[in-house]
Amino acid sequence: MQNKIITALSALLLLTACMELGAPYETGLHTLSVQAVYPEGYAARAGAVVSIESTGSGSAYRLETDVAGKASTRLPNGIYRIAVHDRDGKDVFNGTADRVVVNEADVSRSIELVYSKAGSLVIKELYCGGCSKEPEEGTYQSDQYLILHNNDEQPVYLDGLCMGTLSPYNSNAANPWDGENGLPDFVPIIQAVWQVGGDGTTFPVAPGEDVVICLRGAIDHAAQYPHSVNLNREGYFVCYNPVYFPNPSYHPVPGDKIAEDHHLQVVIKTGQANAYTVSLNSPAFVIFRAEDTDIHDFVAQPQNLIQVPGSSVDRVVAVPNEWVVDGIEVFNGGSSDNHKRLVPSIDAGYVTLSETFKGRTLMRKVDEAASEAAGFEILQDTNNSTEDFYERETQSLHL
């Protein structure tokens, strides 16, 4: 018996020695090398962040590039999603590569970075997942809202700002727009394009100020459901048009504190639903402005309305990527098969919503150093939701 114990202890000591040397962890590993390729006119720099995520296990790795724009690590066999991000002042560089296979050999991958500029008007919060009706039974989803924030030192105007959600509605659905050459040069806005009214200077947003846009009912939801929010407040905007979206469960008549000129206009409706649909668990949502044209003239041109591949009914508005002011990509936390819909220049990453009907919301991080220097709240803006957003336990408007 004593000899068996000694033998077992000897085996354990040998295994421990091997683990300290790294031997068990080296088995089956291969080197993944990532080369960040900057746009013409911009030199590679050290310190760009390389995020690597296993699409199977969810394991995540974070590296930084060297002065040549390169980073490498050793990984087990698997399929990986890679994102590269760099920022210099307001100049932002992002690139992604999806479904990178590491299988029994070292892999080198060059990732072209796309240039974009940090925006003045950014999405601060997207609450889409609904909440519990507790103490009643059931769940509630008529209280979705969006908060925008002025990140600039100068006032910005909401007048003419457009917004919409992308096809496909959910991240775990197959993306028919992702072809051999990747995502297209437009964002496919499905069901409807909404627009803020005004004459150009009607709705100013001061530096550091927020604006709430109710995607559904602009009423006091919390009066009946304590886990919800009060969206009947002065200054709030609402997506409300009973001609196009007459379903009163999702679009009740706005409350008495909502001014009529704060009702967003439907530029065009392309879907059949009687209520405006934004995914509960994984929307991709953008705000944008038409450039060098009127948005109504743009949607009136047949070439800008495209049939959804595989559908004989659904159409989308093909909004040019360069029109997008800001966007957020949300992945479904209940799925391991999520697909990107926004290009890197709009959102190189994603934020995960882990559960629906829990009152959880998606919130942008505060840039503490920039806020202190500016004297008002500055939000982090890298055009990468993985870096910029986090899931918050309760809605910011919940009292």
Protein backbone atom coordinates (compact mmCIF):
# COMPACT_ATOMS: atom_id res chain seq x y z
CA MET A 1 0.00 0.00 0.00
CA GLN A 2 2.81 2.37 0.92
CA ASN A 3 4.56 1.64 -2.41
CA LYS A 4 1.33 2.48 -4.30
CA ILE A 5 1.08 5.83 -2.50
CA ILE A 6 4.71 6.66 -3.30
CA THR A 7 4.17 5.70 -6.95
CA ALA A 8 1.09 7.89 -7.16
CA LEU A 9 2.90 10.82 -5.56
CA SER A 10 5.82 10.38 -7.96
CA ALA A 11 3.45 10.47 -10.94
CA LEU A 12 1.78 13.61 -9.59
CA LEU A 13 5.14 15.33 -9.11
CA LEU A 14 6.17 14.39 -12.66
CA LEU A 15 2.91 15.78 -14.07
CA THR A 16 3.36 18.99 -12.06
CA ALA A 17 6.89 19.40 -13.38
CA CYS A 18 5.65 18.97 -16.95
CA MET A 19 2.90 21.56 -16.41
CA GLU A 20 5.43 24.06 -15.06
CA LEU A 21 7.50 23.55 -18.19
CA GLY A 22 4.43 24.12 -20.32
CA ALA A 23 4.53 20.76 -22.07
CA PRO A 24 0.83 19.84 -21.73
CA TYR A 25 -0.18 23.29 -23.01
CA GLU A 26 2.09 23.15 -26.04
CA THR A 27 0.47 20.03 -27.46
CA GLY A 28 -1.76 20.84 -30.45
CA LEU A 29 -0.95 24.55 -30.50
CA HIS A 30 -0.12 26.51 -33.66
CA THR A 31 1.03 30.07 -34.27
CA LEU A 32 -1.46 32.60 -35.56
CA SER A 33 0.28 35.71 -36.90
CA VAL A 34 -1.74 38.85 -37.63
CA GLN A 35 -0.42 41.69 -39.78
CA ALA A 36 -2.31 44.99 -39.58
CA VAL A 37 -2.30 46.69 -43.00
CA TYR A 38 -2.95 50.43 -42.71
CA PRO A 39 -4.63 52.49 -45.45
CA GLU A 40 -2.43 54.28 -47.96
CA GLY A 41 -0.80 57.32 -46.39
CA TYR A 42 -0.75 55.87 -42.85
CA ALA A 43 2.20 54.01 -41.36
CA ALA A 44 1.98 50.94 -39.13
CA ARG A 45 2.24 51.68 -35.42
CA ALA A 46 2.90 49.74 -32.27
CA GLY A 47 0.08 49.28 -29.79
CA ALA A 48 -2.88 48.46 -32.04
CA VAL A 49 -5.21 46.08 -30.19
CA VAL A 50 -5.74 42.63 -31.69
CA SER A 51 -8.76 40.76 -30.30
CA ILE A 52 -9.08 37.05 -31.09
CA GLU A 53 -12.16 35.03 -30.15
CA SER A 54 -12.87 31.35 -30.63
CA THR A 55 -16.30 31.00 -32.25
CA GLY A 56 -16.65 27.56 -30.70
CA SER A 57 -15.44 27.83 -27.10
CA GLY A 58 -15.80 31.59 -26.64
CA SER A 59 -12.19 31.84 -25.42
CA ALA A 60 -10.79 35.31 -26.01
CA TYR A 61 -7.25 36.61 -26.44
CA ARG A 62 -6.00 40.20 -26.52
CA LEU A 63 -2.66 41.20 -28.06
CA GLU A 64 -0.91 44.38 -29.15
CA THR A 65 1.01 44.90 -32.37
CA ASP A 66 4.72 45.70 -32.56
CA VAL A 67 6.18 48.67 -34.46
CA ALA A 68 5.71 46.76 -37.72
CA GLY A 69 2.00 46.27 -37.03
CA LYS A 70 2.35 42.57 -36.30
CA ALA A 71 1.17 40.36 -33.43
CA SER A 72 1.25 36.60 -32.94
CA THR A 73 0.21 33.98 -30.44
CA ARG A 74 -0.14 30.22 -30.18
CA LEU A 75 -3.66 28.79 -30.31
CA PRO A 76 -5.37 25.39 -30.32
CA ASN A 77 -7.16 24.17 -33.44
CA GLY A 78 -10.38 26.05 -34.00
CA ILE A 79 -12.24 28.74 -35.90
CA TYR A 80 -11.54 32.32 -34.82
CA ARG A 81 -12.90 35.82 -35.24
CA ILE A 82 -10.19 38.52 -35.32
CA ALA A 83 -10.57 42.27 -34.87
CA VAL A 84 -7.82 44.89 -35.04
CA HIS A 85 -8.33 48.39 -33.67
CA ASP A 86 -6.13 51.49 -33.51
CA ARG A 87 -6.86 55.13 -32.79
CA ASP A 88 -4.83 58.31 -33.11
CA GLY A 89 -6.84 61.30 -31.88
CA LYS A 90 -10.09 61.24 -33.86
CA ASP A 91 -8.56 59.03 -36.57
CA VAL A 92 -9.85 55.48 -36.12
CA PHE A 93 -8.62 52.31 -37.84
CA ASN A 94 -10.51 49.01 -37.72
CA GLY A 95 -10.31 45.70 -39.49
CA THR A 96 -11.88 42.28 -39.03
CA ALA A 97 -11.50 38.74 -40.27
CA ASP A 98 -14.17 36.13 -39.63
CA ARG A 99 -13.95 32.34 -39.69
CA VAL A 100 -10.15 32.14 -39.60
CA VAL A 101 -9.30 28.44 -39.38
CA VAL A 102 -6.34 27.17 -37.34
CA ASN A 103 -5.94 23.47 -38.11
CA GLU A 104 -2.71 21.49 -37.71
CA ALA A 105 -0.48 24.26 -39.10
CA ASP A 106 0.69 27.80 -38.42
CA VAL A 107 -1.47 30.53 -39.96
CA SER A 108 -0.59 34.06 -41.12
CA ARG A 109 -3.34 36.55 -41.81
CA SER A 110 -3.12 40.12 -43.12
CA ILE A 111 -6.02 42.35 -42.08
CA GLU A 112 -6.67 45.56 -43.96
CA LEU A 113 -7.65 48.41 -41.66
CA VAL A 114 -10.39 50.81 -42.70
CA TYR A 115 -10.14 54.48 -41.79
CA SER A 116 -13.00 56.32 -40.11
CA LYS A 117 -13.40 59.32 -37.87
CA ALA A 118 -14.79 59.36 -34.34
CA GLY A 119 -18.25 60.88 -34.51
CA SER A 120 -19.88 63.86 -32.84
CA LEU A 121 -23.25 62.19 -32.35
CA VAL A 122 -23.00 58.68 -30.92
CA ILE A 123 -25.32 55.99 -29.65
CA LYS A 124 -25.11 56.03 -25.87
CA GLU A 125 -27.58 53.29 -25.02
CA LEU A 126 -29.76 50.75 -26.80
CA TYR A 127 -32.44 49.06 -24.71
CA CYS A 128 -34.16 46.42 -26.80
CA GLY A 129 -34.53 43.23 -24.75
CA GLY A 130 -37.63 43.91 -22.68
CA CYS A 131 -38.33 43.14 -19.04
CA SER A 132 -40.48 41.08 -16.70
CA LYS A 133 -44.10 42.03 -15.94
CA GLU A 134 -43.48 41.10 -12.32
CA PRO A 135 -45.44 41.06 -10.00
CA GLU A 136 -47.73 39.99 -12.85
CA GLU A 137 -46.87 36.95 -14.93
CA GLY A 138 -45.29 37.28 -18.35
CA THR A 139 -42.83 39.47 -20.21
CA TYR A 140 -42.95 42.95 -21.72
CA GLN A 141 -41.34 44.40 -24.84
CA SER A 142 -43.18 47.61 -25.75
CA ASP A 143 -40.64 49.87 -24.02
CA GLN A 144 -37.61 49.82 -26.37
CA TYR A 145 -35.59 53.03 -26.58
CA LEU A 146 -32.38 54.57 -27.90
CA ILE A 147 -30.27 57.32 -26.32
CA LEU A 148 -28.00 59.55 -28.44
CA HIS A 149 -25.19 61.71 -27.04
CA ASN A 150 -23.31 64.74 -28.34
CA ASN A 151 -19.63 63.87 -27.96
CA ASP A 152 -18.41 67.14 -29.51
CA GLU A 153 -17.44 70.54 -28.15
CA GLN A 154 -19.98 72.18 -30.46
CA PRO A 155 -23.78 71.82 -30.60
CA VAL A 156 -25.13 69.37 -33.14
CA TYR A 157 -28.63 69.31 -34.64
CA LEU A 158 -30.92 66.32 -34.84
CA ASP A 159 -32.88 67.87 -37.71
CA GLY A 160 -32.99 65.48 -40.67
CA LEU A 161 -31.27 62.63 -38.81
CA CYS A 162 -32.44 59.22 -40.05
CA MET A 163 -32.31 55.81 -38.41
CA GLY A 164 -33.17 52.19 -38.94
CA THR A 165 -32.43 48.55 -38.18
CA LEU A 166 -30.57 46.18 -40.50
CA SER A 167 -31.45 43.02 -42.36
CA PRO A 168 -31.27 40.35 -41.10
CA TYR A 169 -33.02 41.29 -37.87
CA ASN A 170 -31.10 38.77 -35.73
CA SER A 171 -27.37 38.07 -35.60
CA ASN A 172 -27.80 34.28 -35.54
CA ALA A 173 -29.68 34.32 -38.84
CA ALA A 174 -27.73 33.61 -42.02
CA ASN A 175 -26.67 36.94 -43.53
CA PRO A 176 -27.72 36.99 -47.21
CA TRP A 177 -25.72 40.19 -47.79
CA ASP A 178 -22.36 38.63 -46.85
CA GLY A 179 -20.95 37.39 -50.17
CA GLU A 180 -17.61 36.33 -51.60
CA ASN A 181 -16.28 39.87 -51.27
CA GLY A 182 -17.62 40.31 -47.76
CA LEU A 183 -20.27 42.79 -46.68
CA PRO A 184 -21.62 45.27 -49.25
CA ASP A 185 -20.90 49.01 -49.52
CA PHE A 186 -24.36 49.77 -48.15
CA VAL A 187 -26.34 49.03 -45.00
CA PRO A 188 -29.62 47.19 -45.78
CA ILE A 189 -32.26 49.06 -43.75
CA ILE A 190 -35.29 46.83 -43.36
CA GLN A 191 -38.96 47.63 -42.73
CA ALA A 192 -38.74 51.43 -42.38
CA VAL A 193 -36.53 54.51 -42.39
CA TRP A 194 -37.39 57.04 -39.69
CA GLN A 195 -36.39 60.72 -39.73
CA VAL A 196 -36.36 63.56 -37.19
CA GLY A 197 -38.19 66.64 -38.47
CA GLY A 198 -37.16 70.28 -38.07
CA ASP A 199 -35.91 73.06 -40.34
CA GLY A 200 -32.20 72.47 -39.77
CA THR A 201 -31.79 74.24 -36.43
CA THR A 202 -34.96 73.20 -34.59
CA PHE A 203 -33.49 70.50 -32.36
CA PRO A 204 -30.02 71.45 -31.04
CA VAL A 205 -28.10 69.06 -28.79
CA ALA A 206 -25.57 70.79 -26.53
CA PRO A 207 -22.11 69.32 -25.84
CA GLY A 208 -22.43 66.38 -23.46
CA GLU A 209 -26.23 66.34 -23.74
CA ASP A 210 -28.38 63.23 -24.26
CA VAL A 211 -31.50 62.70 -26.37
CA VAL A 212 -33.97 59.86 -25.80
CA ILE A 213 -35.77 58.31 -28.79
CA CYS A 214 -38.58 55.88 -27.96
CA LEU A 215 -38.63 53.09 -30.54
CA ARG A 216 -42.03 52.00 -29.30
CA GLY A 217 -44.48 53.50 -26.81
CA ALA A 218 -43.69 56.97 -25.40
CA ILE A 219 -45.76 56.36 -22.26
CA ASP A 220 -45.09 55.64 -18.60
CA HIS A 221 -44.55 51.88 -18.84
CA ALA A 222 -43.33 51.70 -15.25
CA ALA A 223 -46.74 52.78 -13.93
CA GLN A 224 -48.01 49.27 -14.67
CA TYR A 225 -44.75 47.31 -14.84
CA PRO A 226 -42.22 48.36 -12.16
CA HIS A 227 -39.27 46.77 -13.99
CA SER A 228 -39.91 48.97 -17.03
CA VAL A 229 -39.32 52.70 -17.58
CA ASN A 230 -41.19 55.99 -17.84
CA LEU A 231 -40.89 57.22 -21.43
CA ASN A 232 -43.44 60.01 -21.11
CA ARG A 233 -41.02 62.87 -20.47
CA GLU A 234 -40.50 66.31 -21.96
CA GLY A 235 -37.94 66.43 -24.75
CA TYR A 236 -38.25 62.74 -25.64
CA PHE A 237 -38.74 61.75 -29.29
CA VAL A 238 -40.81 58.78 -30.49
CA CYS A 239 -41.18 56.56 -33.55
CA TYR A 240 -44.92 57.01 -33.93
CA ASN A 241 -47.04 56.85 -37.07
CA PRO A 242 -50.43 55.12 -36.66
CA VAL A 243 -51.01 55.04 -40.42
CA TYR A 244 -47.99 52.80 -41.08
CA PHE A 245 -47.79 51.13 -37.65
CA PRO A 246 -51.30 51.01 -36.15
CA ASN A 247 -50.72 48.31 -33.51
CA PRO A 248 -51.66 50.06 -30.22
CA SER A 249 -49.94 47.44 -28.04
CA TYR A 250 -46.54 48.54 -29.37
CA HIS A 251 -47.39 52.06 -30.50
CA PRO A 252 -49.92 53.61 -28.09
CA VAL A 253 -50.79 57.28 -28.42
CA PRO A 254 -47.78 59.17 -26.96
CA GLY A 255 -48.12 60.59 -23.46
CA ASP A 256 -49.08 64.16 -22.66
CA LYS A 257 -45.45 65.29 -22.24
CA ILE A 258 -44.40 64.28 -25.78
CA ALA A 259 -44.59 67.23 -28.19
CA GLU A 260 -46.11 66.46 -31.58
CA ASP A 261 -43.06 67.79 -33.43
CA HIS A 262 -41.06 65.12 -31.57
CA HIS A 263 -42.87 62.37 -33.49
CA LEU A 264 -40.41 60.92 -36.03
CA GLN A 265 -41.54 60.71 -39.63
CA VAL A 266 -41.68 57.53 -41.69
CA VAL A 267 -39.63 58.26 -44.82
CA ILE A 268 -40.56 54.89 -46.31
CA LYS A 269 -42.05 51.63 -45.11
CA THR A 270 -40.92 48.50 -46.95
CA GLY A 271 -42.24 45.77 -44.65
CA GLN A 272 -45.70 44.39 -43.90
CA ALA A 273 -45.76 44.47 -40.08
CA ASN A 274 -48.25 46.59 -38.16
CA ALA A 275 -45.63 47.37 -35.49
CA TYR A 276 -42.05 48.55 -35.95
CA THR A 277 -39.72 45.63 -35.33
CA VAL A 278 -36.31 45.90 -33.69
CA SER A 279 -34.79 42.57 -32.65
CA LEU A 280 -35.16 41.76 -28.97
CA ASN A 281 -31.86 39.91 -28.66
CA SER A 282 -29.50 41.02 -31.42
CA PRO A 283 -30.26 44.08 -33.59
CA ALA A 284 -27.81 46.02 -35.71
CA PHE A 285 -28.97 49.64 -35.59
CA VAL A 286 -27.65 52.80 -37.29
CA ILE A 287 -28.22 56.53 -37.38
CA PHE A 288 -27.38 58.30 -40.65
CA ARG A 289 -27.76 61.44 -42.76
CA ALA A 290 -28.36 61.64 -46.49
CA GLU A 291 -25.51 63.41 -48.27
CA ASP A 292 -25.89 65.54 -51.43
CA THR A 293 -29.51 64.48 -51.80
CA ASP A 294 -32.84 64.50 -49.98
CA ILE A 295 -33.65 61.19 -48.32
CA HIS A 296 -37.14 61.19 -49.84
CA ASP A 297 -35.67 61.59 -53.33
CA PHE A 298 -33.18 58.82 -52.55
CA VAL A 299 -35.78 56.22 -51.55
CA ALA A 300 -37.93 57.16 -54.57
CA GLN A 301 -35.26 55.76 -56.90
CA PRO A 302 -35.89 52.05 -57.62
CA GLN A 303 -32.18 51.14 -57.63
CA ASN A 304 -31.96 52.12 -53.96
CA LEU A 305 -34.65 49.61 -52.96
CA ILE A 306 -33.35 46.05 -53.09
CA GLN A 307 -35.14 42.75 -52.66
CA VAL A 308 -33.88 40.65 -49.76
CA PRO A 309 -32.18 37.59 -51.29
CA GLY A 310 -34.45 34.58 -50.97
CA SER A 311 -37.56 36.67 -50.24
CA SER A 312 -40.31 37.63 -52.65
CA VAL A 313 -41.78 40.19 -50.25
CA ASP A 314 -39.15 41.95 -48.14
CA ARG A 315 -37.18 44.89 -49.49
CA VAL A 316 -34.46 47.04 -47.94
CA VAL A 317 -33.21 50.58 -48.46
CA ALA A 318 -29.56 50.42 -49.54
CA VAL A 319 -28.08 53.28 -47.50
CA PRO A 320 -24.43 54.02 -48.45
CA ASN A 321 -22.00 53.09 -45.68
CA GLU A 322 -20.43 56.54 -45.73
CA TRP A 323 -23.75 58.12 -44.71
CA VAL A 324 -23.75 56.34 -41.36
CA VAL A 325 -23.09 58.62 -38.39
CA ASP A 326 -22.92 55.78 -35.84
CA GLY A 327 -23.96 52.17 -35.44
CA ILE A 328 -24.11 49.34 -32.95
CA GLU A 329 -23.89 45.62 -33.65
CA VAL A 330 -25.50 43.30 -31.08
CA PHE A 331 -24.84 39.57 -30.86
CA ASN A 332 -27.24 37.05 -29.36
CA GLY A 333 -25.73 35.71 -26.13
CA GLY A 334 -27.83 32.57 -26.46
CA SER A 335 -26.22 31.58 -29.77
CA SER A 336 -22.74 30.50 -30.80
CA ASP A 337 -23.51 31.16 -34.48
CA ASN A 338 -23.57 34.96 -34.81
CA HIS A 339 -22.83 36.85 -38.03
CA LYS A 340 -21.62 40.41 -38.62
CA ARG A 341 -23.83 42.88 -40.47
CA LEU A 342 -21.89 46.13 -40.09
CA VAL A 343 -18.59 46.81 -41.86
CA PRO A 344 -15.48 47.71 -39.78
CA SER A 345 -15.68 51.42 -40.61
CA ILE A 346 -19.06 51.51 -38.80
CA ASP A 347 -18.58 48.85 -36.12
CA ALA A 348 -15.62 46.50 -36.14
CA GLY A 349 -16.92 44.51 -33.18
CA TYR A 350 -20.11 43.70 -31.35
CA VAL A 351 -21.66 43.77 -27.88
CA THR A 352 -23.49 40.75 -26.52
CA LEU A 353 -26.94 40.83 -24.93
CA SER A 354 -26.88 37.79 -22.66
CA GLU A 355 -30.61 37.48 -21.88
CA THR A 356 -33.91 39.04 -22.87
CA PHE A 357 -36.78 40.17 -20.63
CA LYS A 358 -34.42 40.93 -17.74
CA GLY A 359 -34.34 44.73 -18.14
CA ARG A 360 -30.71 44.54 -19.27
CA THR A 361 -29.42 47.22 -21.59
CA LEU A 362 -26.39 48.00 -23.75
CA MET A 363 -24.44 51.04 -22.56
CA ARG A 364 -21.47 52.94 -23.97
CA LYS A 365 -18.47 53.44 -21.70
CA VAL A 366 -17.42 56.88 -20.46
CA ASP A 367 -13.97 58.17 -21.44
CA GLU A 368 -13.02 59.48 -18.01
CA ALA A 369 -9.81 61.26 -19.05
CA ALA A 370 -11.41 62.99 -22.03
CA SER A 371 -14.44 63.98 -19.93
CA GLU A 372 -12.25 65.56 -17.27
CA ALA A 373 -10.31 67.51 -19.88
CA ALA A 374 -13.45 68.68 -21.73
CA GLY A 375 -15.54 69.54 -18.67
CA PHE A 376 -18.50 67.47 -19.91
CA GLU A 377 -19.21 63.79 -20.47
CA ILE A 378 -17.28 62.27 -23.37
CA LEU A 379 -18.12 58.71 -24.32
CA GLN A 380 -15.63 56.20 -25.67
CA ASP A 381 -15.80 55.98 -29.46
CA THR A 382 -13.54 53.57 -31.31
CA ASN A 383 -16.16 52.39 -33.83
CA ASN A 384 -15.87 48.99 -32.16
CA SER A 385 -18.73 47.93 -29.89
CA THR A 386 -16.60 45.24 -28.27
CA GLU A 387 -14.39 48.00 -26.88
CA ASP A 388 -17.01 50.73 -26.44
CA PHE A 389 -20.08 49.03 -24.96
CA TYR A 390 -20.99 46.83 -22.03
CA GLU A 391 -24.13 45.11 -20.82
CA ARG A 392 -25.73 46.89 -17.89
CA GLU A 393 -28.02 45.09 -15.43
CA THR A 394 -30.84 47.66 -15.59
CA GLN A 395 -31.96 50.38 -17.99
CA SER A 396 -30.32 53.75 -17.31
CA LEU A 397 -33.82 55.33 -17.29
CA HIS A 398 -35.10 52.89 -14.68
CA LEU A 399 -35.92 54.61 -11.37
